[in-house]
Amino acid sequence: MAIIVKTQNPSGLLSKIKKAINDKSIDTWSYDSDGDFTHKPEQWKNKAWLRPKVYSNELRFGILGQKDTELTKYLYGVYHGRFIEMLLNHFDSDFNQVQATAVKTEPDYF
């Protein structure tokens, strides 16, 4: 259930995402002191987090659920769909492919 972004510069893309959040050009996502992203609308805020991990030519985001709460398919779908939408709207020239896995995939943690 990870997001896998194929990119020549995974660290650079991650930095661009954080900068866009800091600059308020992306206002529907935030990240915490651990670097994990959460969706900001009140309905979804802190229901799950996406933890980035840099690989060779890939930037992956593993999903983390709330402690002692089942991670539902619906919540997974919202977080993955909206995050991929944000990537396509703001960073389409920084990667050549993005996908969401349907099963637990490194670096998911739930």
Protein backbone atom coordinates (compact mmCIF):
# COMPACT_ATOMS: atom_id res chain seq x y z
CA MET A 1 0.00 0.00 0.00
CA ALA A 2 2.86 2.35 -0.78
CA ILE A 3 3.18 5.19 -3.27
CA ILE A 4 6.15 4.66 -5.57
CA VAL A 5 7.41 7.64 -7.58
CA LYS A 6 9.96 6.96 -10.33
CA THR A 7 12.31 9.94 -10.54
CA GLN A 8 15.92 10.71 -11.41
CA ASN A 9 16.21 12.91 -8.31
CA PRO A 10 14.24 11.44 -5.39
CA SER A 11 15.89 13.62 -2.71
CA GLY A 12 15.32 16.73 -4.82
CA LEU A 13 11.65 15.91 -5.33
CA LEU A 14 11.15 15.37 -1.60
CA SER A 15 12.79 18.74 -0.92
CA LYS A 16 10.53 20.43 -3.50
CA ILE A 17 7.40 18.95 -1.89
CA LYS A 18 8.42 20.21 1.55
CA LYS A 19 9.35 23.64 0.17
CA ALA A 20 5.95 23.96 -1.57
CA ILE A 21 4.23 23.12 1.73
CA ASN A 22 6.41 25.62 3.61
CA ASP A 23 5.72 28.30 0.96
CA LYS A 24 1.95 27.57 1.21
CA SER A 25 1.62 26.78 -2.50
CA ILE A 26 0.39 23.39 -1.25
CA ASP A 27 -2.04 23.94 1.60
CA THR A 28 -3.80 20.58 1.83
CA TRP A 29 -0.78 18.67 3.14
CA SER A 30 1.57 19.16 6.06
CA TYR A 31 4.53 17.28 7.47
CA ASP A 32 5.70 16.77 11.02
CA SER A 33 9.09 16.75 12.74
CA ASP A 34 9.61 13.13 11.62
CA GLY A 35 9.04 14.19 8.00
CA ASP A 36 5.74 12.28 7.73
CA PHE A 37 2.98 13.82 5.63
CA THR A 38 -0.68 14.06 6.65
CA HIS A 39 -3.70 15.38 4.78
CA LYS A 40 -4.80 18.67 6.37
CA PRO A 41 -8.58 18.82 5.87
CA GLU A 42 -10.13 18.30 9.31
CA GLN A 43 -11.93 15.12 8.20
CA TRP A 44 -8.59 13.44 7.35
CA LYS A 45 -5.99 15.20 9.50
CA ASN A 46 -3.79 12.80 11.47
CA LYS A 47 -5.87 9.76 10.45
CA ALA A 48 -2.75 8.39 8.71
CA TRP A 49 0.68 9.56 7.60
CA LEU A 50 2.84 8.99 4.55
CA ARG A 51 6.49 8.39 5.44
CA PRO A 52 8.96 9.17 2.64
CA LYS A 53 11.95 6.97 1.91
CA VAL A 54 14.55 7.67 -0.77
CA TYR A 55 15.73 4.79 -2.97
CA SER A 56 17.82 4.74 -6.12
CA ASN A 57 15.63 6.45 -8.78
CA GLU A 58 12.55 6.13 -6.53
CA LEU A 59 10.84 8.12 -3.84
CA ARG A 60 8.46 5.94 -1.87
CA PHE A 61 5.82 6.89 0.64
CA GLY A 62 4.80 4.19 3.08
CA ILE A 63 1.53 4.59 4.94
CA LEU A 64 1.35 4.63 8.72
CA GLY A 65 -1.97 4.26 10.46
CA GLN A 66 -3.08 5.38 13.89
CA LYS A 67 -1.98 3.24 16.80
CA ASP A 68 -4.61 0.66 17.79
CA THR A 69 -6.88 1.64 14.85
CA GLU A 70 -7.42 -0.46 11.74
CA LEU A 71 -6.23 1.18 8.54
CA THR A 72 -9.24 0.92 6.23
CA LYS A 73 -9.20 0.62 2.45
CA TYR A 74 -11.22 3.82 2.29
CA LEU A 75 -8.63 5.80 4.28
CA TYR A 76 -5.80 4.26 2.26
CA GLY A 77 -7.60 5.24 -0.95
CA VAL A 78 -8.15 8.83 0.16
CA TYR A 79 -4.56 9.37 1.29
CA HIS A 80 -2.98 7.73 -1.74
CA GLY A 81 -5.35 9.25 -4.27
CA ARG A 82 -5.08 12.78 -2.94
CA PHE A 83 -1.31 12.62 -2.54
CA ILE A 84 -0.85 11.34 -6.09
CA GLU A 85 -3.21 14.10 -7.30
CA MET A 86 -1.00 16.68 -5.54
CA LEU A 87 2.12 15.21 -7.17
CA LEU A 88 0.55 15.33 -10.63
CA ASN A 89 -0.73 18.89 -10.17
CA HIS A 90 2.52 20.36 -8.83
CA PHE A 91 5.46 18.13 -9.76
CA ASP A 92 4.61 16.35 -13.02
CA SER A 93 7.90 17.43 -14.61
CA ASP A 94 9.91 15.96 -11.69
CA PHE A 95 8.98 12.30 -12.20
CA ASN A 96 7.99 9.97 -15.00
CA GLN A 97 5.75 7.47 -13.22
CA VAL A 98 3.77 7.15 -9.99
CA GLN A 99 1.86 4.15 -8.71
CA ALA A 100 0.04 2.99 -5.62
CA THR A 101 0.42 -0.61 -4.53
CA ALA A 102 -2.59 -2.63 -3.38
CA VAL A 103 -0.71 -4.73 -0.83
CA LYS A 104 1.72 -3.93 1.98
CA THR A 105 4.98 -2.77 0.37
CA GLU A 106 8.25 -1.45 1.78
CA PRO A 107 8.23 1.08 3.55
CA ASP A 108 4.62 0.65 4.77
CA TYR A 109 4.23 0.39 8.53
CA PHE A 110 0.89 -0.88 9.79
